Amino acid sequence: MTPPATRRPVGHHHGNLRNALLQASLELVGERGPHGFTLAEASRRAGVSVAAPYKHFTDRDALLAELATQGYREQRTRFAAAMNADEDPVEQLASFAAAYVRFAAEEPALFDVTFNAGLDKSRFAELASTGDEVAGLLLPVARQLAPTPDAAFDLLLRVAAAAHGLAVFLRQGLFGMGSAALADTEKKAARTAREITGQVASLPERPSTAPTSGC
């Protein structure tokens, strides 16, 4: 008697292997962080052989780099939409800060792989270019408020750093849990961005060391 056919895992379907591996890896990042799993584990989660990832990715960092690229693209889309709601550059940076917090809360795995994977951007041209696109969206706004390009970079760095810290505190539960805590932290981020832009005149000038990739 012939045994009933078993359903193949989704990763086996022609043309879907790459996406299945990316989705499985993103799930694992969400559960364990970007350093907490192997390609073999991602393969098992996707329902494919342990050799399958090497058809698309040279190593685990290459797979993580593609996820980080997705993260930068999602950030740029969210930041652009938030900033388009206002023409005042101060309010645009405040909206960026709030959107940064929301991205971290709503896409925690993408946030982690983008900022915590420790990827070498010199290896991954697409990752570097998408990071540059995020910076290219934000720096022109900062330049409207700052007297020099270096001061604009300092301003953006301070706003982004404040938003990042608040986002991490929110994820750690320091501000409570749920939608109310998220909304309150978005307001904190926007308020802090406004305070920082108000101090822009006191930013010291220094030799240019601004990186070309994303915040």
Foldseek 3Di string as FASTA:
>chain_A
DDDDDDDAFPCVDPPCVLVLLLVLQLVVCVVQNLPGDACCNSCVSSRHHSCVVVVPAVGSLRSLLVLLLVLLVVLQVQLVVQLVVDDQLLQSLLSSLLSLLVCCVVRVSNVRSNPPNPHDCVVPVSSQVSQLVQVVVNLVSLPVLAPDSQLSLVLSVVLNVVSVVLSVCVVVQVQHDDDVSSVVSSNVSSVVSSVSSVCSVVDDDDPDPDDSGHD
